[in-house]
Protein backbone atom coordinates (compact mmCIF):
# COMPACT_ATOMS: atom_id res chain seq x y z
CA ARG A 1 -17.08 -13.68 19.43
CA LEU A 2 -15.54 -10.54 18.29
CA PHE A 3 -15.08 -9.07 21.95
CA ALA A 4 -13.81 -12.28 22.98
CA LEU A 5 -11.20 -12.10 20.05
CA LEU A 6 -10.18 -8.82 21.03
CA ALA A 7 -9.20 -10.25 24.50
CA ASP A 8 -7.38 -13.45 23.08
CA LYS A 9 -3.58 -13.14 22.93
CA GLU A 10 -3.45 -15.53 19.85
CA PHE A 11 -5.75 -13.06 17.85
CA LEU A 12 -3.86 -9.96 19.00
CA ALA A 13 -0.44 -11.31 17.97
CA ASN A 14 -2.04 -12.29 14.35
CA ALA A 15 -3.56 -8.85 14.13
CA PHE A 16 -0.29 -7.28 14.79
CA VAL A 17 1.51 -9.35 12.26
CA SER A 18 -0.98 -8.64 9.54
CA THR A 19 -1.01 -4.90 10.36
CA VAL A 20 2.89 -4.67 10.07
CA ARG A 21 2.64 -6.68 6.96
CA VAL A 22 -0.10 -3.99 5.66
CA VAL A 23 1.88 -0.99 6.94
CA LEU A 24 5.26 -2.09 5.31
CA SER A 25 3.86 -3.10 2.07
CA VAL A 26 1.94 0.33 1.82
CA PHE A 27 5.16 2.35 2.42
CA ILE A 28 7.24 -0.06 0.11
CA ALA A 29 5.01 0.14 -2.71
CA CYS A 30 4.39 4.09 -2.16
CA ALA A 31 8.31 4.24 -2.25
CA ILE A 32 8.62 2.30 -5.61
CA GLY A 33 5.77 3.82 -7.12
CA GLY A 34 7.18 7.21 -6.35
CA VAL A 35 10.53 6.41 -7.88
CA LEU A 36 8.88 5.16 -10.82
CA ALA A 37 6.68 8.49 -11.31
CA LEU A 38 9.83 10.42 -10.63
CA ILE A 39 12.05 8.80 -13.40
CA ALA A 40 8.91 9.21 -15.76
CA ASN A 41 8.70 12.68 -15.10
CA THR A 42 12.21 13.71 -14.98
CA ALA A 43 13.73 11.34 -17.49
CA PRO A 44 11.89 11.66 -20.88
CA ILE A 45 13.52 8.58 -22.32
CA PHE A 46 12.10 6.31 -19.62
CA GLU A 47 8.47 7.87 -19.76
CA GLY A 48 7.37 5.50 -22.43
CA ILE A 49 8.58 2.39 -20.81
CA ILE A 50 7.08 3.41 -17.40
CA SER A 51 3.75 4.88 -18.75
CA GLU A 52 3.09 2.27 -21.70
CA ARG A 53 4.73 -0.88 -20.75
CA ILE A 54 5.29 -1.12 -16.74
CA LYS A 55 2.01 0.69 -15.60
CA PRO A 56 -0.32 -1.14 -17.85
CA PHE A 57 1.15 -4.32 -16.93
CA LEU A 58 1.24 -3.89 -13.11
CA ASN A 59 -2.50 -2.44 -13.17
CA SER A 60 -3.94 -5.40 -15.24
CA PHE A 61 -1.86 -8.55 -13.66
CA PRO A 62 -4.46 -10.37 -11.55
CA SER A 63 -4.16 -10.20 -8.04
CA ILE A 64 -4.61 -13.79 -7.49
CA GLY A 65 -1.87 -14.70 -10.05
CA TRP A 66 0.53 -12.83 -7.84
CA ALA A 67 -0.50 -14.63 -4.67
CA ILE A 68 -0.17 -17.89 -6.71
CA LEU A 69 3.12 -16.97 -7.93
CA ALA A 70 4.38 -16.05 -4.33
CA SER A 71 3.13 -19.64 -2.98
CA ILE A 72 5.33 -21.14 -5.92
CA TRP A 73 8.58 -18.94 -5.67
CA PHE A 74 9.02 -18.29 -2.02
CA GLU A 75 8.44 -20.35 1.25
CA ALA A 76 5.53 -19.57 3.66
CA GLY A 77 6.39 -16.43 5.67
CA ASN A 78 6.47 -12.73 5.68
CA PHE A 79 8.45 -11.90 2.51
CA GLY A 80 6.00 -13.71 0.29
CA ALA A 81 2.95 -11.96 1.91
CA VAL A 82 4.59 -8.72 1.70
CA PHE A 83 5.63 -9.34 -1.98
CA VAL A 84 2.02 -9.92 -3.10
CA GLN A 85 0.93 -6.80 -1.34
CA VAL A 86 3.70 -4.64 -2.77
CA ALA A 87 3.13 -6.12 -6.19
CA ILE A 88 -0.69 -5.14 -6.34
CA LEU A 89 -0.15 -1.94 -4.74
CA ILE A 90 2.62 -0.41 -6.98
CA PRO A 91 0.13 0.58 -9.87
CA PHE A 92 -2.20 2.51 -7.52
CA CYS A 93 0.71 4.49 -5.91
CA LEU A 94 2.33 4.98 -9.19
CA ILE A 95 -0.66 6.58 -10.90
CA ASN A 96 -1.70 8.90 -7.91
CA ILE A 97 1.96 10.05 -7.79
CA ASP A 98 2.34 10.41 -11.41
CA GLN A 99 -0.72 12.52 -11.76
CA GLY A 100 0.71 14.83 -8.80
CA PHE A 101 3.88 15.22 -10.92
CA ARG A 102 2.04 16.11 -14.07
CA SER A 103 -0.01 18.61 -12.01
CA ILE A 104 2.91 20.75 -10.76
CA ASP A 105 2.92 24.14 -12.27
CA LYS A 106 6.09 24.72 -14.28
CA GLU A 107 5.97 28.62 -13.62
CA LEU A 108 6.02 27.94 -9.99
CA LEU A 109 9.17 25.93 -10.14
CA GLU A 110 10.46 28.87 -12.34
CA MET A 111 9.82 31.04 -9.62
CA GLY A 112 11.50 29.11 -6.97
CA ARG A 113 14.65 28.78 -9.04
CA SER A 114 14.92 32.44 -9.19
CA PHE A 115 14.97 32.56 -5.46
CA THR A 116 17.67 29.99 -5.02
CA ARG A 117 20.02 28.04 -7.23
CA THR A 118 19.70 24.94 -4.75
CA SER A 119 17.82 22.32 -6.21
CA ALA A 120 17.31 20.50 -3.10
CA ARG A 121 15.53 23.73 -1.50
CA VAL A 122 13.15 23.83 -4.85
CA TRP A 123 12.48 20.15 -4.17
CA LEU A 124 11.56 20.24 -0.53
CA LYS A 125 9.82 23.81 -0.44
CA ILE A 126 7.62 23.31 -3.80
CA ASN A 127 7.64 19.75 -5.53
CA LEU A 128 7.24 17.82 -2.17
CA ARG A 129 4.81 20.10 -0.84
CA LEU A 130 2.74 20.06 -4.00
CA LEU A 131 3.02 16.38 -3.90
CA MET A 132 2.00 15.45 -0.55
CA PRO A 133 -1.72 15.47 -1.25
CA PHE A 134 -1.26 12.85 -4.06
CA ILE A 135 0.98 10.99 -1.95
CA LEU A 136 -1.48 10.94 0.98
CA ALA A 137 -4.13 9.79 -1.43
CA ALA A 138 -1.97 6.92 -2.80
CA ILE A 139 -1.29 5.98 0.77
CA LYS A 140 -4.77 6.00 1.84
CA ILE A 141 -6.24 4.16 -1.17
CA SER A 142 -3.12 1.58 -0.80
CA TYR A 143 -4.00 1.28 2.89
CA GLY A 144 -7.59 -0.01 2.15
CA ILE A 145 -7.04 -2.28 -0.80
CA ALA A 146 -3.96 -3.75 1.21
CA TRP A 147 -6.27 -5.36 3.82
CA LYS A 148 -8.25 -6.67 1.24
CA ILE A 149 -5.55 -8.47 -0.56
CA ALA A 150 -3.63 -9.22 2.75
CA LEU A 151 -6.06 -11.69 3.42
CA VAL A 152 -5.45 -13.34 -0.09
CA SER A 153 -1.80 -13.31 0.45
CA GLU A 154 -1.91 -14.91 3.83
CA LEU A 155 -4.69 -17.41 2.79
CA LEU A 156 -2.26 -19.08 0.20
CA GLY A 157 1.00 -19.25 2.21
CA ALA A 158 1.40 -17.59 5.46
CA PRO A 159 1.87 -19.46 9.08
CA ASN A 160 0.24 -16.71 10.65
CA GLY A 161 -1.88 -13.34 10.37
CA LEU A 162 -5.62 -12.80 10.16
CA GLY A 163 -5.75 -14.50 6.72
CA TYR A 164 -4.48 -17.55 8.45
CA MET A 165 -6.81 -17.37 11.32
CA MET A 166 -9.85 -17.23 8.71
CA LEU A 167 -8.48 -20.15 6.84
CA ARG A 168 -8.54 -22.13 9.97
CA ALA A 169 -11.82 -20.95 11.01
CA GLN A 170 -13.26 -22.08 7.59
CA SER A 171 -11.47 -25.37 7.66
CA THR A 172 -13.33 -26.19 11.04
CA ALA A 173 -16.49 -24.49 9.83
CA GLU A 174 -16.37 -21.72 12.60
CA THR A 175 -18.71 -19.10 10.61
CA VAL A 176 -18.86 -17.11 13.81
CA THR A 177 -15.17 -16.80 14.14
CA PHE A 178 -14.68 -16.19 10.45
CA LEU A 179 -17.15 -13.16 10.38
CA ALA A 180 -15.77 -12.00 13.58
CA VAL A 181 -12.19 -11.63 12.18
CA CYS A 182 -13.86 -9.88 8.98
CA PHE A 183 -15.41 -7.32 11.52
CA ALA A 184 -12.03 -7.02 13.36
CA ILE A 185 -10.08 -6.21 10.18
CA VAL A 186 -12.91 -3.51 9.31
CA PHE A 187 -12.21 -2.20 13.13
CA ILE A 188 -8.47 -2.17 12.56
CA PHE A 189 -8.84 -0.18 9.25
CA MET A 190 -10.99 2.41 10.78
CA LEU A 191 -8.84 2.92 13.76
CA GLY A 192 -5.77 3.34 11.47
CA ASP A 193 -7.65 5.60 9.05
CA ARG A 194 -9.16 7.90 11.90
CA LEU A 195 -6.04 7.93 14.11
CA ILE A 196 -3.27 8.37 11.42
CA LEU A 197 -4.41 8.90 8.11
CA ALA A 198 -7.03 11.74 8.67
CA PRO A 199 -4.90 14.08 10.83
CA LEU A 200 -2.13 13.42 8.13
CA GLU A 201 -4.56 14.81 5.50
CA LYS A 202 -5.64 17.88 7.68
CA LYS A 203 -2.24 18.54 8.21
CA PHE A 204 -0.88 18.56 4.68
């Protein structure tokens, strides 16, 4: 059944939609988490708000709660599915990138400033390079989690995607199709991890 699905145009279209949602959600969550981590580490006045208020709230809010809220707030479609994934992934990105900022050697930054007065060059040559392992770790963790929660978001309110296919298979008691979609998700995840994330990790 899995091999039959891989040759099915409807399955490929739904797999493409789910993959785009996952990738988009990971990048949006990393961007928001990175901005929050940057603010917390460059503006001390906001550190308490982000570290002691926003981070614990997002980290502890139930995943199914976001999915149910999205189904109430938004019409069934891409925006609601992406919103759920982004809301759940932000704390993972925030925690990882925040740890990256905290691990940067202040003496190394001071040395960089002694070579140039351009803060943009210090940021690109030192800060960003030291943050890259933490950013990639955030992306890798978020990518794996996104595939799990993508199904939840699609089950509760998406007109297409792999979660929609699983819901349809469940409603018609097609257990074999349900399991085949699950294995297809594992295959797609491993493909993205081996072909994209692993080479990026080696490079940086």
